[in-house]
């Protein structure tokens, strides 16, 4: 369980703490530094991978994993695909606030799986 929390926290830190308010970096600097399509896509995939690992370890139920997988497949991934297409596959393009919001929702959903 601590392993999963560490992974999810690492993802949030890698994104410049976009989901958590304890960071002191101004939002405009965070956007310019880390919220590219590549970073957002990698963070979402890492979150999904971590959730799958929790399922394999027996830490979470199939139902809990399915909630995250459904959100990833039906909400995040379609929006990400459209964003990548709109950016002509330039993954260094800045992510839209809407896509970043979906990532934050995914991270939040995944982090609730390990909460007591």
C-alpha atoms as a PDB file:
ATOM      1  CA  UNK A   1       0.000   0.000   0.000  1.00  0.00           C
ATOM      2  CA  UNK A   2       2.861   2.388   0.799  1.00  0.00           C
ATOM      3  CA  UNK A   3       4.381   1.470  -2.562  1.00  0.00           C
ATOM      4  CA  UNK A   4       1.245   2.582  -4.392  1.00  0.00           C
ATOM      5  CA  UNK A   5       1.051   5.853  -2.484  1.00  0.00           C
ATOM      6  CA  UNK A   6       4.694   6.514  -3.290  1.00  0.00           C
ATOM      7  CA  UNK A   7       4.055   5.930  -7.012  1.00  0.00           C
ATOM      8  CA  UNK A   8       1.033   8.209  -7.065  1.00  0.00           C
ATOM      9  CA  UNK A   9       2.859  10.897  -5.087  1.00  0.00           C
ATOM     10  CA  UNK A  10       5.830  10.613  -7.452  1.00  0.00           C
ATOM     11  CA  UNK A  11       3.533  11.159 -10.421  1.00  0.00           C
ATOM     12  CA  UNK A  12       2.098  14.284  -8.827  1.00  0.00           C
ATOM     13  CA  UNK A  13       5.560  15.637  -8.057  1.00  0.00           C
ATOM     14  CA  UNK A  14       6.675  14.892 -11.606  1.00  0.00           C
ATOM     15  CA  UNK A  15       3.785  16.986 -12.850  1.00  0.00           C
ATOM     16  CA  UNK A  16       4.813  19.916 -10.723  1.00  0.00           C
ATOM     17  CA  UNK A  17       2.172  19.234  -8.093  1.00  0.00           C
ATOM     18  CA  UNK A  18      -0.696  20.233 -10.326  1.00  0.00           C
ATOM     19  CA  UNK A  19      -3.142  18.257  -8.218  1.00  0.00           C
ATOM     20  CA  UNK A  20      -1.926  19.271  -4.793  1.00  0.00           C
ATOM     21  CA  UNK A  21      -1.940  22.850  -3.529  1.00  0.00           C
ATOM     22  CA  UNK A  22       1.133  22.665  -1.310  1.00  0.00           C
ATOM     23  CA  UNK A  23       3.507  23.643  -4.119  1.00  0.00           C
ATOM     24  CA  UNK A  24       4.771  27.176  -4.271  1.00  0.00           C
ATOM     25  CA  UNK A  25       5.600  27.236  -7.993  1.00  0.00           C
ATOM     26  CA  UNK A  26       3.277  29.675  -9.783  1.00  0.00           C
ATOM     27  CA  UNK A  27       0.818  27.944 -12.146  1.00  0.00           C
ATOM     28  CA  UNK A  28       2.187  29.707 -15.219  1.00  0.00           C
ATOM     29  CA  UNK A  29       5.686  28.372 -14.504  1.00  0.00           C
ATOM     30  CA  UNK A  30       4.354  24.843 -13.946  1.00  0.00           C
ATOM     31  CA  UNK A  31       2.523  24.904 -17.274  1.00  0.00           C
ATOM     32  CA  UNK A  32       5.624  26.033 -19.113  1.00  0.00           C
ATOM     33  CA  UNK A  33       7.825  23.468 -17.379  1.00  0.00           C
ATOM     34  CA  UNK A  34       5.957  20.199 -17.139  1.00  0.00           C
ATOM     35  CA  UNK A  35       2.412  20.135 -18.433  1.00  0.00           C
ATOM     36  CA  UNK A  36       3.242  19.014 -21.925  1.00  0.00           C
ATOM     37  CA  UNK A  37       1.192  16.362 -23.665  1.00  0.00           C
ATOM     38  CA  UNK A  38       4.062  13.939 -23.114  1.00  0.00           C
ATOM     39  CA  UNK A  39       4.165  14.545 -19.346  1.00  0.00           C
ATOM     40  CA  UNK A  40       0.395  14.306 -18.994  1.00  0.00           C
ATOM     41  CA  UNK A  41       0.226  11.116 -21.052  1.00  0.00           C
ATOM     42  CA  UNK A  42       3.096   9.496 -19.173  1.00  0.00           C
ATOM     43  CA  UNK A  43       1.604  10.419 -15.806  1.00  0.00           C
ATOM     44  CA  UNK A  44      -1.754   8.936 -16.747  1.00  0.00           C
ATOM     45  CA  UNK A  45      -0.131   5.746 -17.998  1.00  0.00           C
ATOM     46  CA  UNK A  46       1.988   5.484 -14.846  1.00  0.00           C
ATOM     47  CA  UNK A  47      -1.118   5.910 -12.716  1.00  0.00           C
ATOM     48  CA  UNK A  48      -2.922   3.196 -14.659  1.00  0.00           C
ATOM     49  CA  UNK A  49       0.140   0.926 -14.432  1.00  0.00           C
ATOM     50  CA  UNK A  50       0.359   1.484 -10.668  1.00  0.00           C
ATOM     51  CA  UNK A  51      -3.322   0.667 -10.271  1.00  0.00           C
ATOM     52  CA  UNK A  52      -2.871  -2.508 -12.313  1.00  0.00           C
ATOM     53  CA  UNK A  53       0.067  -3.452 -10.111  1.00  0.00           C
ATOM     54  CA  UNK A  54      -2.145  -3.026  -7.026  1.00  0.00           C
ATOM     55  CA  UNK A  55      -4.674  -5.381  -8.598  1.00  0.00           C
ATOM     56  CA  UNK A  56      -1.971  -7.973  -9.347  1.00  0.00           C
ATOM     57  CA  UNK A  57      -0.736  -7.746  -5.748  1.00  0.00           C
ATOM     58  CA  UNK A  58      -4.248  -8.297  -4.455  1.00  0.00           C
ATOM     59  CA  UNK A  59      -4.243  -4.901  -2.723  1.00  0.00           C
ATOM     60  CA  UNK A  60      -7.394  -3.745  -4.512  1.00  0.00           C
ATOM     61  CA  UNK A  61     -10.420  -5.531  -5.906  1.00  0.00           C
ATOM     62  CA  UNK A  62     -11.251  -5.959  -9.554  1.00  0.00           C
ATOM     63  CA  UNK A  63     -14.187  -3.566  -9.077  1.00  0.00           C
ATOM     64  CA  UNK A  64     -11.894  -0.791  -7.807  1.00  0.00           C
ATOM     65  CA  UNK A  65      -9.437  -1.352 -10.643  1.00  0.00           C
ATOM     66  CA  UNK A  66     -12.313  -1.296 -13.123  1.00  0.00           C
ATOM     67  CA  UNK A  67     -13.397   2.180 -11.941  1.00  0.00           C
ATOM     68  CA  UNK A  68      -9.954   3.577 -12.737  1.00  0.00           C
ATOM     69  CA  UNK A  69      -9.648   1.639 -15.995  1.00  0.00           C
ATOM     70  CA  UNK A  70     -13.073   2.805 -17.157  1.00  0.00           C
ATOM     71  CA  UNK A  71     -12.231   6.446 -16.425  1.00  0.00           C
ATOM     72  CA  UNK A  72      -8.884   6.072 -18.208  1.00  0.00           C
ATOM     73  CA  UNK A  73     -10.403   4.339 -21.256  1.00  0.00           C
ATOM     74  CA  UNK A  74     -13.595   6.363 -21.660  1.00  0.00           C
ATOM     75  CA  UNK A  75     -12.656   9.854 -20.473  1.00  0.00           C
ATOM     76  CA  UNK A  76      -8.911  10.448 -20.343  1.00  0.00           C
ATOM     77  CA  UNK A  77      -7.663   8.450 -23.332  1.00  0.00           C
ATOM     78  CA  UNK A  78     -10.161   9.841 -25.886  1.00  0.00           C
ATOM     79  CA  UNK A  79      -9.418  13.422 -24.789  1.00  0.00           C
ATOM     80  CA  UNK A  80      -5.676  12.737 -24.882  1.00  0.00           C
ATOM     81  CA  UNK A  81      -5.925  11.244 -28.375  1.00  0.00           C
ATOM     82  CA  UNK A  82      -7.786  14.305 -29.647  1.00  0.00           C
ATOM     83  CA  UNK A  83      -5.230  16.622 -28.022  1.00  0.00           C
ATOM     84  CA  UNK A  84      -2.306  14.773 -29.609  1.00  0.00           C
ATOM     85  CA  UNK A  85      -4.038  14.846 -32.990  1.00  0.00           C
ATOM     86  CA  UNK A  86      -4.777  18.577 -32.647  1.00  0.00           C
ATOM     87  CA  UNK A  87      -1.120  19.187 -31.808  1.00  0.00           C
ATOM     88  CA  UNK A  88      -0.025  17.283 -34.922  1.00  0.00           C
ATOM     89  CA  UNK A  89       1.546  14.639 -32.647  1.00  0.00           C
ATOM     90  CA  UNK A  90       3.885  17.231 -31.107  1.00  0.00           C
ATOM     91  CA  UNK A  91       4.076  15.855 -27.564  1.00  0.00           C
ATOM     92  CA  UNK A  92       6.040  18.891 -26.419  1.00  0.00           C
ATOM     93  CA  UNK A  93       2.893  20.999 -26.867  1.00  0.00           C
ATOM     94  CA  UNK A  94       1.368  22.376 -23.691  1.00  0.00           C
ATOM     95  CA  UNK A  95      -1.558  20.387 -22.373  1.00  0.00           C
ATOM     96  CA  UNK A  96      -4.920  22.106 -22.200  1.00  0.00           C
ATOM     97  CA  UNK A  97      -6.405  22.844 -18.772  1.00  0.00           C
ATOM     98  CA  UNK A  98      -9.248  20.437 -19.563  1.00  0.00           C
ATOM     99  CA  UNK A  99      -6.867  17.566 -20.257  1.00  0.00           C
ATOM    100  CA  UNK A 100      -4.821  18.376 -17.168  1.00  0.00           C
ATOM    101  CA  UNK A 101      -8.053  18.404 -15.166  1.00  0.00           C
ATOM    102  CA  UNK A 102      -8.880  14.914 -16.448  1.00  0.00           C
ATOM    103  CA  UNK A 103      -5.414  13.771 -15.387  1.00  0.00           C
ATOM    104  CA  UNK A 104      -5.976  15.234 -11.932  1.00  0.00           C
ATOM    105  CA  UNK A 105      -9.290  13.385 -11.695  1.00  0.00           C
ATOM    106  CA  UNK A 106      -7.568  10.142 -12.702  1.00  0.00           C
ATOM    107  CA  UNK A 107      -4.829  10.655 -10.105  1.00  0.00           C
ATOM    108  CA  UNK A 108      -7.413  11.448  -7.462  1.00  0.00           C
ATOM    109  CA  UNK A 109      -9.456   8.372  -8.295  1.00  0.00           C
ATOM    110  CA  UNK A 110      -6.370   6.159  -8.220  1.00  0.00           C
ATOM    111  CA  UNK A 111      -5.177   7.635  -4.921  1.00  0.00           C
ATOM    112  CA  UNK A 112      -8.509   6.916  -3.243  1.00  0.00           C
ATOM    113  CA  UNK A 113      -7.923   3.212  -3.811  1.00  0.00           C
ATOM    114  CA  UNK A 114      -5.097   3.192  -1.295  1.00  0.00           C
ATOM    115  CA  UNK A 115      -6.718   5.478   1.279  1.00  0.00           C
ATOM    116  CA  UNK A 116      -7.833   3.844   4.476  1.00  0.00           C
END
